[in-house]
N, C-alpha and C. Protein backbone atom coordinates (compact mmCIF):
# COMPACT_ATOMS: atom_id res chain seq x y z
N MET A 1 5.19 -137.55 82.61
CA MET A 1 3.77 -137.62 82.39
C MET A 1 3.30 -136.28 81.80
N GLN A 2 2.31 -136.35 80.93
CA GLN A 2 1.80 -135.14 80.29
C GLN A 2 0.48 -134.71 80.93
N LEU A 3 0.38 -133.40 81.23
CA LEU A 3 -0.83 -132.83 81.80
C LEU A 3 -1.29 -131.66 80.97
N VAL A 4 -2.60 -131.57 80.73
CA VAL A 4 -3.16 -130.41 80.03
C VAL A 4 -3.14 -129.23 81.01
N VAL A 5 -2.51 -128.14 80.60
CA VAL A 5 -2.38 -126.97 81.48
C VAL A 5 -3.15 -125.77 80.96
N GLY A 6 -3.70 -125.87 79.75
CA GLY A 6 -4.47 -124.74 79.21
C GLY A 6 -5.05 -125.07 77.85
N ARG A 7 -5.94 -124.18 77.44
CA ARG A 7 -6.54 -124.28 76.10
C ARG A 7 -6.48 -122.89 75.49
N ILE A 8 -6.04 -122.82 74.25
CA ILE A 8 -5.94 -121.53 73.57
C ILE A 8 -7.32 -121.07 73.13
N GLY A 9 -7.64 -119.83 73.47
CA GLY A 9 -8.90 -119.22 73.08
C GLY A 9 -8.73 -118.34 71.86
N ARG A 10 -9.46 -117.27 71.83
CA ARG A 10 -9.45 -116.40 70.65
C ARG A 10 -8.21 -115.52 70.61
N ALA A 11 -7.93 -115.00 69.44
CA ALA A 11 -6.83 -114.07 69.26
C ALA A 11 -7.16 -112.77 69.98
N HIS A 12 -6.12 -112.08 70.47
CA HIS A 12 -6.30 -110.80 71.16
C HIS A 12 -5.40 -109.78 70.46
N GLY A 13 -6.02 -108.81 69.83
CA GLY A 13 -5.24 -107.79 69.13
C GLY A 13 -4.72 -108.30 67.80
N ILE A 14 -3.69 -107.59 67.28
CA ILE A 14 -3.18 -107.92 65.95
C ILE A 14 -1.73 -108.39 65.96
N LYS A 15 -1.14 -108.56 67.14
CA LYS A 15 0.28 -108.90 67.21
C LYS A 15 0.55 -110.34 67.64
N GLY A 16 -0.45 -111.22 67.55
CA GLY A 16 -0.22 -112.63 67.79
C GLY A 16 -0.54 -113.13 69.18
N GLU A 17 -1.09 -112.29 70.05
CA GLU A 17 -1.45 -112.77 71.39
C GLU A 17 -2.75 -113.57 71.33
N VAL A 18 -2.88 -114.52 72.28
CA VAL A 18 -4.09 -115.33 72.38
C VAL A 18 -4.53 -115.36 73.84
N THR A 19 -5.83 -115.52 74.04
CA THR A 19 -6.34 -115.72 75.40
C THR A 19 -6.14 -117.19 75.75
N ILE A 20 -5.98 -117.45 77.05
CA ILE A 20 -5.74 -118.81 77.52
C ILE A 20 -6.77 -119.17 78.57
N GLU A 21 -7.41 -120.32 78.39
CA GLU A 21 -8.27 -120.91 79.42
C GLU A 21 -7.32 -121.75 80.27
N VAL A 22 -6.98 -121.25 81.44
CA VAL A 22 -5.99 -121.89 82.30
C VAL A 22 -6.59 -123.15 82.93
N ARG A 23 -5.84 -124.25 82.87
CA ARG A 23 -6.28 -125.52 83.45
C ARG A 23 -5.23 -126.07 84.41
N THR A 24 -4.54 -125.16 85.08
CA THR A 24 -3.56 -125.55 86.08
C THR A 24 -3.65 -124.58 87.24
N ASP A 25 -3.37 -125.08 88.44
CA ASP A 25 -3.34 -124.21 89.60
C ASP A 25 -2.00 -123.48 89.72
N GLU A 26 -1.07 -123.80 88.83
CA GLU A 26 0.26 -123.21 88.87
C GLU A 26 0.63 -122.57 87.53
N PRO A 27 -0.16 -121.58 87.08
CA PRO A 27 0.12 -121.00 85.76
C PRO A 27 1.48 -120.32 85.68
N GLU A 28 1.93 -119.72 86.79
CA GLU A 28 3.23 -119.05 86.77
C GLU A 28 4.37 -120.04 86.55
N LEU A 29 4.18 -121.27 86.97
CA LEU A 29 5.19 -122.32 86.79
C LEU A 29 5.07 -122.97 85.42
N ARG A 30 3.87 -123.29 85.00
CA ARG A 30 3.65 -124.06 83.78
C ARG A 30 3.55 -123.21 82.51
N LEU A 31 3.11 -121.94 82.67
CA LEU A 31 2.83 -121.10 81.49
C LEU A 31 3.69 -119.84 81.47
N GLY A 32 4.91 -119.95 81.98
CA GLY A 32 5.82 -118.81 82.00
C GLY A 32 6.63 -118.70 80.72
N PRO A 33 7.21 -117.52 80.46
CA PRO A 33 8.05 -117.33 79.28
C PRO A 33 9.17 -118.37 79.24
N GLY A 34 9.38 -118.93 78.05
CA GLY A 34 10.41 -119.94 77.86
C GLY A 34 9.88 -121.36 77.93
N ALA A 35 8.68 -121.55 78.49
CA ALA A 35 8.12 -122.90 78.59
C ALA A 35 7.83 -123.44 77.20
N VAL A 36 8.19 -124.69 76.98
CA VAL A 36 7.91 -125.37 75.72
C VAL A 36 6.82 -126.39 76.00
N LEU A 37 5.71 -126.24 75.28
CA LEU A 37 4.53 -127.07 75.53
C LEU A 37 4.17 -127.91 74.31
N ALA A 38 3.85 -129.17 74.57
CA ALA A 38 3.29 -130.02 73.51
C ALA A 38 1.85 -129.55 73.28
N THR A 39 1.26 -130.00 72.19
CA THR A 39 -0.09 -129.55 71.86
C THR A 39 -0.97 -130.72 71.42
N ASP A 40 -2.26 -130.49 71.51
CA ASP A 40 -3.25 -131.40 70.95
C ASP A 40 -4.20 -130.53 70.14
N PRO A 41 -4.18 -130.59 68.82
CA PRO A 41 -3.51 -131.56 67.97
C PRO A 41 -1.98 -131.37 67.96
N ALA A 42 -1.26 -132.50 67.88
CA ALA A 42 0.19 -132.51 67.97
C ALA A 42 0.86 -131.72 66.85
N ALA A 43 0.25 -131.69 65.67
CA ALA A 43 0.84 -131.00 64.53
C ALA A 43 0.97 -129.49 64.75
N THR A 44 0.23 -128.93 65.68
CA THR A 44 0.28 -127.49 65.97
C THR A 44 1.53 -127.12 66.74
N GLY A 45 2.11 -128.05 67.46
CA GLY A 45 3.22 -127.73 68.35
C GLY A 45 4.50 -128.41 67.94
N PRO A 46 5.45 -128.37 68.85
CA PRO A 46 5.41 -127.75 70.17
C PRO A 46 5.42 -126.23 70.06
N LEU A 47 4.89 -125.58 71.10
CA LEU A 47 4.85 -124.12 71.15
C LEU A 47 5.72 -123.63 72.30
N THR A 48 6.49 -122.59 72.04
CA THR A 48 7.34 -121.97 73.06
C THR A 48 6.73 -120.64 73.45
N ILE A 49 6.49 -120.46 74.74
CA ILE A 49 5.90 -119.20 75.22
C ILE A 49 6.96 -118.11 75.18
N GLU A 50 6.65 -117.05 74.45
CA GLU A 50 7.57 -115.92 74.32
C GLU A 50 7.31 -114.88 75.41
N SER A 51 6.02 -114.61 75.65
CA SER A 51 5.66 -113.63 76.68
C SER A 51 4.24 -113.90 77.16
N GLY A 52 3.95 -113.36 78.32
CA GLY A 52 2.61 -113.51 78.87
C GLY A 52 2.27 -112.32 79.75
N ARG A 53 0.98 -112.05 79.86
CA ARG A 53 0.50 -110.97 80.72
C ARG A 53 -0.97 -111.21 81.04
N VAL A 54 -1.41 -110.56 82.09
CA VAL A 54 -2.82 -110.63 82.45
C VAL A 54 -3.48 -109.34 82.01
N HIS A 55 -4.61 -109.46 81.31
CA HIS A 55 -5.34 -108.30 80.84
C HIS A 55 -6.82 -108.53 81.13
N SER A 56 -7.42 -107.64 81.92
CA SER A 56 -8.84 -107.75 82.30
C SER A 56 -9.17 -109.12 82.88
N GLY A 57 -8.27 -109.65 83.70
CA GLY A 57 -8.51 -110.91 84.37
C GLY A 57 -8.26 -112.15 83.54
N ARG A 58 -7.79 -112.00 82.31
CA ARG A 58 -7.50 -113.15 81.44
C ARG A 58 -6.01 -113.22 81.15
N LEU A 59 -5.50 -114.44 81.09
CA LEU A 59 -4.10 -114.63 80.72
C LEU A 59 -3.97 -114.54 79.20
N LEU A 60 -3.03 -113.71 78.77
CA LEU A 60 -2.71 -113.59 77.35
C LEU A 60 -1.30 -114.09 77.15
N LEU A 61 -1.09 -114.93 76.13
CA LEU A 61 0.23 -115.43 75.80
C LEU A 61 0.57 -115.12 74.36
N ARG A 62 1.87 -114.97 74.11
CA ARG A 62 2.37 -114.87 72.74
C ARG A 62 3.39 -115.99 72.59
N PHE A 63 3.29 -116.73 71.48
CA PHE A 63 4.18 -117.84 71.22
C PHE A 63 5.23 -117.46 70.18
N ALA A 64 6.42 -118.03 70.31
CA ALA A 64 7.50 -117.78 69.36
C ALA A 64 7.01 -118.14 67.95
N GLY A 65 7.27 -117.25 67.01
CA GLY A 65 6.90 -117.50 65.62
C GLY A 65 5.49 -117.09 65.24
N VAL A 66 4.67 -116.70 66.22
CA VAL A 66 3.31 -116.25 65.92
C VAL A 66 3.30 -114.73 66.07
N ARG A 67 3.21 -114.03 64.94
CA ARG A 67 3.39 -112.58 64.94
C ARG A 67 2.15 -111.77 64.58
N ASP A 68 1.07 -112.46 64.14
CA ASP A 68 -0.11 -111.70 63.72
C ASP A 68 -1.39 -112.40 64.14
N ARG A 69 -2.49 -111.71 63.94
CA ARG A 69 -3.79 -112.22 64.35
C ARG A 69 -4.15 -113.52 63.62
N THR A 70 -3.79 -113.62 62.34
CA THR A 70 -4.10 -114.82 61.57
C THR A 70 -3.41 -116.04 62.17
N GLY A 71 -2.14 -115.91 62.50
CA GLY A 71 -1.40 -117.01 63.12
C GLY A 71 -1.97 -117.37 64.48
N ALA A 72 -2.36 -116.35 65.25
CA ALA A 72 -2.94 -116.58 66.58
C ALA A 72 -4.29 -117.28 66.46
N GLU A 73 -5.10 -116.84 65.52
CA GLU A 73 -6.44 -117.44 65.36
C GLU A 73 -6.34 -118.91 64.91
N ALA A 74 -5.28 -119.25 64.18
CA ALA A 74 -5.09 -120.63 63.73
C ALA A 74 -4.83 -121.58 64.92
N LEU A 75 -4.42 -121.05 66.06
CA LEU A 75 -4.14 -121.87 67.24
C LEU A 75 -5.38 -122.11 68.11
N ARG A 76 -6.46 -121.45 67.79
CA ARG A 76 -7.66 -121.51 68.63
C ARG A 76 -8.08 -122.95 68.92
N ASN A 77 -8.47 -123.20 70.19
CA ASN A 77 -8.93 -124.51 70.70
C ASN A 77 -7.83 -125.55 70.82
N THR A 78 -6.58 -125.16 70.64
CA THR A 78 -5.47 -126.08 70.84
C THR A 78 -5.23 -126.28 72.33
N LEU A 79 -5.06 -127.52 72.75
CA LEU A 79 -4.74 -127.81 74.15
C LEU A 79 -3.23 -127.70 74.35
N LEU A 80 -2.83 -127.10 75.46
CA LEU A 80 -1.42 -126.95 75.82
C LEU A 80 -1.08 -128.01 76.85
N ILE A 81 0.00 -128.76 76.60
CA ILE A 81 0.34 -129.91 77.43
C ILE A 81 1.76 -129.77 77.96
N ALA A 82 1.90 -129.85 79.28
CA ALA A 82 3.22 -129.75 79.91
C ALA A 82 3.68 -131.14 80.34
N GLU A 83 4.98 -131.35 80.28
CA GLU A 83 5.58 -132.58 80.77
C GLU A 83 5.86 -132.38 82.25
N VAL A 84 5.31 -133.27 83.10
CA VAL A 84 5.42 -133.14 84.54
C VAL A 84 5.95 -134.45 85.12
N ASP A 85 6.86 -134.33 86.07
CA ASP A 85 7.38 -135.50 86.78
C ASP A 85 6.23 -136.13 87.57
N PRO A 86 5.94 -137.42 87.37
CA PRO A 86 4.81 -138.05 88.07
C PRO A 86 4.95 -138.04 89.59
N GLU A 87 6.16 -137.89 90.10
CA GLU A 87 6.38 -137.86 91.55
C GLU A 87 6.14 -136.46 92.13
N GLU A 88 6.06 -135.46 91.26
CA GLU A 88 5.87 -134.08 91.71
C GLU A 88 4.47 -133.91 92.29
N LEU A 89 4.38 -133.22 93.41
CA LEU A 89 3.10 -132.97 94.07
C LEU A 89 2.86 -131.47 94.18
N PRO A 90 1.61 -131.04 94.20
CA PRO A 90 1.32 -129.62 94.40
C PRO A 90 1.82 -129.18 95.77
N GLU A 91 2.14 -127.88 95.89
CA GLU A 91 2.64 -127.35 97.16
C GLU A 91 1.59 -127.45 98.26
N ASP A 92 0.33 -127.17 97.95
CA ASP A 92 -0.74 -127.21 98.94
C ASP A 92 -1.19 -128.66 99.13
N PRO A 93 -1.18 -129.17 100.37
CA PRO A 93 -1.58 -130.56 100.59
C PRO A 93 -3.04 -130.86 100.28
N ASP A 94 -3.88 -129.81 100.13
CA ASP A 94 -5.29 -130.01 99.79
C ASP A 94 -5.54 -129.90 98.29
N GLU A 95 -4.48 -129.83 97.49
CA GLU A 95 -4.61 -129.78 96.04
C GLU A 95 -4.09 -131.09 95.46
N PHE A 96 -4.66 -131.47 94.30
CA PHE A 96 -4.27 -132.72 93.67
C PHE A 96 -4.21 -132.52 92.17
N TYR A 97 -3.32 -133.25 91.53
CA TYR A 97 -3.31 -133.30 90.09
C TYR A 97 -4.35 -134.33 89.64
N ASP A 98 -4.89 -134.13 88.45
CA ASP A 98 -5.91 -135.05 87.93
C ASP A 98 -5.43 -136.50 87.95
N HIS A 99 -4.17 -136.73 87.56
CA HIS A 99 -3.69 -138.11 87.49
C HIS A 99 -3.68 -138.79 88.86
N GLN A 100 -3.58 -138.01 89.94
CA GLN A 100 -3.62 -138.59 91.28
C GLN A 100 -5.03 -139.06 91.64
N LEU A 101 -6.04 -138.39 91.09
CA LEU A 101 -7.43 -138.67 91.44
C LEU A 101 -8.08 -139.73 90.55
N MET A 102 -7.55 -139.90 89.36
CA MET A 102 -8.12 -140.88 88.43
C MET A 102 -8.04 -142.28 89.02
N ASP A 103 -9.11 -143.02 88.87
CA ASP A 103 -9.23 -144.42 89.31
C ASP A 103 -9.34 -144.59 90.82
N LEU A 104 -9.49 -143.49 91.58
CA LEU A 104 -9.72 -143.66 93.01
C LEU A 104 -11.09 -144.28 93.23
N ASP A 105 -11.19 -145.13 94.25
CA ASP A 105 -12.49 -145.67 94.65
C ASP A 105 -13.22 -144.59 95.42
N VAL A 106 -14.50 -144.43 95.16
CA VAL A 106 -15.32 -143.45 95.85
C VAL A 106 -16.24 -144.22 96.80
N VAL A 107 -16.19 -143.85 98.09
CA VAL A 107 -17.02 -144.49 99.11
C VAL A 107 -17.66 -143.41 99.97
N THR A 108 -18.80 -143.76 100.57
CA THR A 108 -19.43 -142.83 101.51
C THR A 108 -18.71 -142.96 102.85
N ALA A 109 -19.02 -142.05 103.77
CA ALA A 109 -18.37 -142.04 105.08
C ALA A 109 -18.60 -143.35 105.84
N ASP A 110 -19.72 -144.03 105.57
CA ASP A 110 -19.99 -145.30 106.27
C ASP A 110 -19.39 -146.50 105.52
N GLY A 111 -18.63 -146.24 104.45
CA GLY A 111 -17.94 -147.31 103.73
C GLY A 111 -18.68 -147.88 102.54
N THR A 112 -19.88 -147.37 102.23
CA THR A 112 -20.65 -147.87 101.09
C THR A 112 -19.94 -147.51 99.79
N GLU A 113 -19.74 -148.52 98.94
CA GLU A 113 -19.07 -148.30 97.65
C GLU A 113 -19.99 -147.51 96.72
N VAL A 114 -19.44 -146.45 96.12
CA VAL A 114 -20.18 -145.65 95.15
C VAL A 114 -19.70 -145.98 93.74
N GLY A 115 -18.37 -146.07 93.55
CA GLY A 115 -17.82 -146.36 92.24
C GLY A 115 -16.37 -145.95 92.15
N ARG A 116 -15.94 -145.63 90.92
CA ARG A 116 -14.55 -145.31 90.65
C ARG A 116 -14.48 -144.05 89.78
N ILE A 117 -13.58 -143.14 90.09
CA ILE A 117 -13.43 -141.91 89.31
C ILE A 117 -12.83 -142.26 87.95
N THR A 118 -13.57 -141.92 86.88
CA THR A 118 -13.09 -142.20 85.52
C THR A 118 -12.73 -140.93 84.76
N GLU A 119 -13.19 -139.80 85.27
CA GLU A 119 -12.93 -138.52 84.57
C GLU A 119 -13.09 -137.39 85.56
N ILE A 120 -12.38 -136.30 85.30
CA ILE A 120 -12.53 -135.08 86.10
C ILE A 120 -12.88 -133.98 85.12
N SER A 121 -14.02 -133.36 85.35
CA SER A 121 -14.49 -132.29 84.48
C SER A 121 -14.25 -130.95 85.17
N HIS A 122 -13.53 -130.07 84.49
CA HIS A 122 -13.20 -128.76 85.06
C HIS A 122 -14.19 -127.73 84.54
N LEU A 123 -15.07 -127.29 85.41
CA LEU A 123 -16.08 -126.30 85.06
C LEU A 123 -15.68 -124.96 85.67
N PRO A 124 -16.27 -123.86 85.20
CA PRO A 124 -15.90 -122.55 85.74
C PRO A 124 -16.13 -122.41 87.25
N SER A 125 -17.21 -122.99 87.77
CA SER A 125 -17.52 -122.79 89.19
C SER A 125 -16.89 -123.83 90.10
N GLN A 126 -16.67 -125.05 89.59
CA GLN A 126 -16.10 -126.12 90.40
C GLN A 126 -15.71 -127.27 89.50
N ASP A 127 -14.97 -128.21 90.06
CA ASP A 127 -14.62 -129.42 89.33
C ASP A 127 -15.63 -130.51 89.69
N LEU A 128 -15.81 -131.44 88.78
CA LEU A 128 -16.72 -132.58 89.00
C LEU A 128 -15.96 -133.88 88.81
N PHE A 129 -16.22 -134.83 89.71
CA PHE A 129 -15.75 -136.19 89.50
C PHE A 129 -16.83 -136.90 88.69
N ILE A 130 -16.44 -137.56 87.61
CA ILE A 130 -17.34 -138.44 86.89
C ILE A 130 -17.02 -139.84 87.43
N VAL A 131 -18.00 -140.43 88.11
CA VAL A 131 -17.79 -141.70 88.80
C VAL A 131 -18.60 -142.79 88.13
N GLU A 132 -17.91 -143.87 87.75
CA GLU A 132 -18.59 -145.02 87.18
C GLU A 132 -19.00 -145.95 88.31
N ARG A 133 -20.29 -146.21 88.37
CA ARG A 133 -20.83 -147.06 89.43
C ARG A 133 -20.63 -148.53 89.05
N PRO A 134 -20.76 -149.44 90.01
CA PRO A 134 -20.58 -150.86 89.72
C PRO A 134 -21.53 -151.39 88.64
N ASP A 135 -22.72 -150.78 88.51
CA ASP A 135 -23.67 -151.24 87.49
C ASP A 135 -23.42 -150.62 86.11
N GLY A 136 -22.34 -149.81 85.99
CA GLY A 136 -21.98 -149.22 84.70
C GLY A 136 -22.53 -147.82 84.47
N THR A 137 -23.46 -147.37 85.32
CA THR A 137 -23.98 -146.01 85.17
C THR A 137 -22.96 -145.02 85.73
N GLU A 138 -23.17 -143.76 85.41
CA GLU A 138 -22.27 -142.70 85.90
C GLU A 138 -23.02 -141.76 86.81
N VAL A 139 -22.29 -141.19 87.77
CA VAL A 139 -22.83 -140.15 88.63
C VAL A 139 -21.77 -139.04 88.70
N MET A 140 -22.25 -137.80 88.73
CA MET A 140 -21.34 -136.66 88.83
C MET A 140 -21.33 -136.17 90.27
N ILE A 141 -20.13 -136.02 90.82
CA ILE A 141 -19.98 -135.59 92.21
C ILE A 141 -19.15 -134.31 92.23
N PRO A 142 -19.72 -133.21 92.71
CA PRO A 142 -18.96 -131.96 92.80
C PRO A 142 -17.75 -132.14 93.72
N PHE A 143 -16.59 -131.71 93.26
CA PHE A 143 -15.37 -131.80 94.07
C PHE A 143 -15.29 -130.55 94.94
N VAL A 144 -16.14 -130.53 95.98
CA VAL A 144 -16.17 -129.44 96.95
C VAL A 144 -16.01 -130.04 98.34
N GLU A 145 -15.45 -129.26 99.24
CA GLU A 145 -15.11 -129.72 100.58
C GLU A 145 -16.30 -130.28 101.34
N GLU A 146 -17.50 -129.71 101.12
CA GLU A 146 -18.69 -130.14 101.85
C GLU A 146 -19.12 -131.55 101.45
N ILE A 147 -18.76 -131.99 100.24
CA ILE A 147 -19.17 -133.31 99.75
C ILE A 147 -18.00 -134.30 99.77
N VAL A 148 -16.86 -133.89 99.23
CA VAL A 148 -15.67 -134.76 99.23
C VAL A 148 -14.88 -134.42 100.49
N THR A 149 -15.05 -135.26 101.51
CA THR A 149 -14.47 -134.94 102.82
C THR A 149 -13.05 -135.43 103.01
N GLU A 150 -12.62 -136.40 102.18
CA GLU A 150 -11.27 -136.93 102.35
C GLU A 150 -10.78 -137.52 101.04
N ILE A 151 -9.52 -137.24 100.72
CA ILE A 151 -8.83 -137.91 99.62
C ILE A 151 -7.66 -138.64 100.27
N ASP A 152 -7.66 -139.96 100.16
CA ASP A 152 -6.60 -140.78 100.76
C ASP A 152 -5.86 -141.48 99.62
N LEU A 153 -4.73 -140.90 99.21
CA LEU A 153 -3.98 -141.45 98.09
C LEU A 153 -3.34 -142.79 98.44
N GLU A 154 -2.95 -142.97 99.70
CA GLU A 154 -2.36 -144.24 100.12
C GLU A 154 -3.36 -145.38 99.99
N GLU A 155 -4.60 -145.13 100.42
CA GLU A 155 -5.66 -146.14 100.35
C GLU A 155 -6.37 -146.13 98.99
N GLN A 156 -6.01 -145.16 98.13
CA GLN A 156 -6.61 -145.02 96.81
C GLN A 156 -8.13 -144.87 96.88
N LYS A 157 -8.59 -143.93 97.76
CA LYS A 157 -10.03 -143.72 97.87
C LYS A 157 -10.37 -142.26 98.13
N ALA A 158 -11.57 -141.90 97.73
CA ALA A 158 -12.15 -140.59 98.02
C ALA A 158 -13.40 -140.86 98.86
N VAL A 159 -13.50 -140.19 100.01
CA VAL A 159 -14.64 -140.37 100.90
C VAL A 159 -15.58 -139.19 100.69
N ILE A 160 -16.87 -139.50 100.51
CA ILE A 160 -17.86 -138.44 100.28
C ILE A 160 -18.99 -138.52 101.30
N THR A 161 -19.60 -137.38 101.55
CA THR A 161 -20.85 -137.30 102.33
C THR A 161 -21.86 -136.61 101.42
N PRO A 162 -22.54 -137.38 100.57
CA PRO A 162 -23.42 -136.78 99.57
C PRO A 162 -24.74 -136.31 100.17
N PRO A 163 -25.25 -135.19 99.68
CA PRO A 163 -26.58 -134.77 100.11
C PRO A 163 -27.62 -135.72 99.52
N PRO A 164 -28.82 -135.78 100.12
CA PRO A 164 -29.85 -136.68 99.60
C PRO A 164 -30.12 -136.39 98.11
N GLY A 165 -30.17 -137.46 97.33
CA GLY A 165 -30.48 -137.33 95.92
C GLY A 165 -29.28 -137.25 95.00
N LEU A 166 -28.08 -137.04 95.55
CA LEU A 166 -26.90 -136.92 94.68
C LEU A 166 -26.53 -138.27 94.06
N ILE A 167 -26.53 -139.32 94.87
CA ILE A 167 -26.14 -140.63 94.34
C ILE A 167 -27.25 -141.66 94.42
N ASP A 168 -28.43 -141.26 94.94
CA ASP A 168 -29.55 -142.19 95.04
C ASP A 168 -30.85 -141.47 94.70
N ASP A 169 -31.93 -142.15 94.79
CA ASP A 169 -33.23 -141.57 94.47
C ASP A 169 -33.97 -141.05 95.69
N GLN A 170 -33.25 -140.81 96.77
CA GLN A 170 -33.88 -140.41 98.03
C GLN A 170 -33.85 -138.89 98.22
N ALA A 171 -34.08 -138.15 97.17
CA ALA A 171 -34.07 -136.69 97.26
C ALA A 171 -35.20 -136.20 98.14
N GLU A 172 -34.91 -135.17 98.92
CA GLU A 172 -35.95 -134.54 99.73
C GLU A 172 -36.59 -133.46 98.88
N ILE A 173 -37.87 -133.58 98.60
CA ILE A 173 -38.55 -132.61 97.77
C ILE A 173 -39.30 -131.66 98.68
N VAL A 174 -38.90 -130.41 98.59
CA VAL A 174 -39.54 -129.39 99.42
C VAL A 174 -40.23 -128.42 98.48
N SER A 175 -41.50 -128.19 98.72
CA SER A 175 -42.28 -127.29 97.88
C SER A 175 -42.83 -126.17 98.74
N SER A 176 -42.89 -124.99 98.17
CA SER A 176 -43.47 -123.87 98.91
C SER A 176 -44.96 -124.11 99.17
N ARG A 177 -45.58 -124.95 98.33
CA ARG A 177 -47.00 -125.25 98.54
C ARG A 177 -47.21 -126.07 99.80
N ASP A 178 -46.20 -126.88 100.16
CA ASP A 178 -46.31 -127.68 101.38
C ASP A 178 -46.40 -126.79 102.62
N ALA A 179 -45.74 -125.66 102.56
CA ALA A 179 -45.70 -124.75 103.72
C ALA A 179 -47.02 -124.06 103.98
N ASP A 180 -47.83 -123.83 102.92
CA ASP A 180 -49.09 -123.09 103.14
C ASP A 180 -50.30 -124.01 103.13
N GLY A 181 -50.06 -125.28 103.45
CA GLY A 181 -51.18 -126.21 103.59
C GLY A 181 -51.69 -126.74 102.27
N GLY A 182 -50.89 -126.58 101.20
CA GLY A 182 -51.30 -127.15 99.92
C GLY A 182 -52.33 -126.33 99.19
N GLN A 183 -52.60 -125.11 99.61
CA GLN A 183 -53.59 -124.26 98.94
C GLN A 183 -53.05 -123.81 97.60
N ASP A 184 -53.87 -123.85 96.60
CA ASP A 184 -53.50 -123.40 95.27
C ASP A 184 -53.58 -121.88 95.25
N ALA A 185 -52.55 -121.25 94.73
CA ALA A 185 -52.51 -119.79 94.73
C ALA A 185 -53.47 -119.17 93.73
N THR A 186 -53.91 -119.91 92.73
CA THR A 186 -54.83 -119.37 91.74
C THR A 186 -56.26 -119.71 92.17
N ALA A 187 -57.10 -118.72 92.21
CA ALA A 187 -58.48 -118.96 92.63
C ALA A 187 -59.46 -118.50 91.59
C-alpha cells in the first residue's frame, strides 16, 4: 500500500537540498538515507534520499542526482510516497495510519450515527476527520483525545463526544453582554 509521507517544499541553499513538510509520525523510518520514494506527480520520481538533516526545526533532504538549487526547486510541491505493508501498525497503540481510519463509522458515545470518515486533513495544529453524514453533508471533527474518545478498528468505528454545536445546531452562545445584564457599553 502507498502512503504519502511528505511534501517537498522550497529549495534550501545552492547544493540541491529541499525542505520537507513531514506527513508521517515515523520520519526516521520513512525518510532516511537510502529510501526510495514514489512521487506525485509520478514523472518526477522515483526519488532516492541521499542525505537528510534537521536545520532550524525543519527536515532538509537531498536526493540522488539533484545537485543544485534549480534541480531542487523543480521538485517543489511534489508528494513523497512510501510503499508500506498494509499489515504494519504504528508502534504506539494510540497512533493510526490514515488507511486504518478511512471509512470508519463515526458515532457518538450514546450510539447516535454521525457518518463515515471520507478524508483526513493534516493541519499544523491537529488532524481533522472529514465525515460524510447520511444526508450527504460533511462535518469536520478534530482528531483530538477530548473529542475522539475511542477508535475501534475491529468494530470499524470511531466514538466521539462532540461539544455543543460541532455536529448540530445546538451551540451554546455565550456573550459578555449577557453577564452585565445586557447593558450597551456605548452611551
